[in-house]
Amino acid sequence: MSSKSLQNILIELEALQADKLHFRLLNGLVCEGWITAVEGENFRFLSSGPLAQEEELLFEIAQLDFASISYYDKEARKWMEFLK
């Protein structure tokens, strides 16, 4: 997948306004929270939960395991796989 299409996927996720996103990075880090911005080859992320950092995190789009992305659907009241 090209970085341009990966960027479009992140922009689509950002526009979802889902309650929360859950994904893994290729280094094994698991993240839960919200994408706040997509900037070129990077995206900003705000984590959630009791151990969440207060400031946004900056990740490279290429480090995201796109197959692992899920989001919480408020209407369905469950986690949904994004790329299914």
Protein backbone atom coordinates (compact mmCIF):
# COMPACT_ATOMS: atom_id res chain seq x y z
CA MET A 1 0.00 0.00 0.00
CA SER A 2 1.40 3.42 -0.85
CA SER A 3 1.94 6.01 1.86
CA LYS A 4 -0.63 8.21 0.08
CA SER A 5 -3.36 5.58 0.44
CA LEU A 6 -2.30 4.93 4.04
CA GLN A 7 -2.64 8.65 4.71
CA ASN A 8 -6.15 8.59 3.19
CA ILE A 9 -7.11 5.72 5.50
CA LEU A 10 -5.95 7.73 8.52
CA ILE A 11 -7.88 10.78 7.34
CA GLU A 12 -10.97 8.58 6.98
CA LEU A 13 -10.42 7.26 10.53
CA GLU A 14 -10.01 10.79 11.85
CA ALA A 15 -13.29 11.80 10.16
CA LEU A 16 -15.15 8.82 11.68
CA GLN A 17 -15.35 10.60 15.01
CA ALA A 18 -15.48 7.14 16.54
CA ASP A 19 -15.57 6.93 20.30
CA LYS A 20 -12.11 5.34 20.34
CA LEU A 21 -9.60 3.64 18.09
CA HIS A 22 -7.46 0.65 18.97
CA PHE A 23 -4.39 -0.43 16.97
CA ARG A 24 -0.86 -1.80 17.14
CA LEU A 25 2.34 -0.35 15.81
CA LEU A 26 4.81 -2.60 14.02
CA ASN A 27 7.11 -2.41 17.07
CA GLY A 28 4.36 -4.09 19.17
CA LEU A 29 3.09 -1.00 21.00
CA VAL A 30 -0.70 -1.16 21.50
CA CYS A 31 -2.60 2.15 21.40
CA GLU A 32 -6.13 3.18 22.31
CA GLY A 33 -7.50 6.68 21.89
CA TRP A 34 -8.02 9.19 19.08
CA ILE A 35 -6.22 10.38 15.95
CA THR A 36 -6.12 14.15 16.25
CA ALA A 37 -4.30 15.08 13.02
CA VAL A 38 -2.68 13.62 9.94
CA GLU A 39 0.39 15.58 8.86
CA GLY A 40 2.31 14.34 5.82
CA GLU A 41 3.94 11.02 6.71
CA ASN A 42 2.93 11.27 10.40
CA PHE A 43 -0.17 11.29 12.55
CA ARG A 44 -0.88 12.72 15.98
CA PHE A 45 -2.58 10.55 18.54
CA LEU A 46 -4.11 11.22 21.94
CA SER A 47 -4.14 8.12 24.13
CA SER A 48 -6.86 7.26 26.63
CA GLY A 49 -7.13 5.34 29.85
CA PRO A 50 -5.76 5.69 33.37
CA LEU A 51 -2.11 5.57 32.24
CA ALA A 52 -2.56 7.83 29.21
CA GLN A 53 -0.07 10.56 28.51
CA GLU A 54 -1.42 14.10 28.64
CA GLU A 55 0.27 15.26 25.45
CA GLU A 56 -0.32 14.02 21.92
CA LEU A 57 1.99 11.37 20.54
CA LEU A 58 3.49 11.60 17.06
CA PHE A 59 3.80 8.39 15.02
CA GLU A 60 4.98 7.66 11.49
CA ILE A 61 2.17 6.32 9.31
CA ALA A 62 4.50 3.56 8.09
CA GLN A 63 4.74 2.20 11.68
CA LEU A 64 0.99 1.49 11.94
CA ASP A 65 -0.21 -2.11 11.57
CA PHE A 66 -3.29 -1.29 9.50
CA ALA A 67 -4.75 -4.80 9.86
CA SER A 68 -5.02 -4.24 13.63
CA ILE A 69 -7.21 -1.11 13.52
CA SER A 70 -10.57 -1.28 15.22
CA TYR A 71 -12.94 1.39 16.47
CA TYR A 72 -15.69 1.50 19.04
CA ASP A 73 -19.10 1.90 17.42
CA LYS A 74 -21.43 3.61 19.89
CA GLU A 75 -24.60 2.48 18.11
CA ALA A 76 -23.55 -1.17 17.90
CA ARG A 77 -21.95 -0.95 21.37
CA LYS A 78 -18.96 -3.00 20.32
CA TRP A 79 -15.50 -2.83 18.75
CA MET A 80 -15.55 -3.08 14.95
CA GLU A 81 -12.67 -4.01 12.65
CA PHE A 82 -11.95 -1.07 10.38
CA LEU A 83 -10.58 -2.83 7.28
CA LYS A 84 -13.02 -5.74 7.25
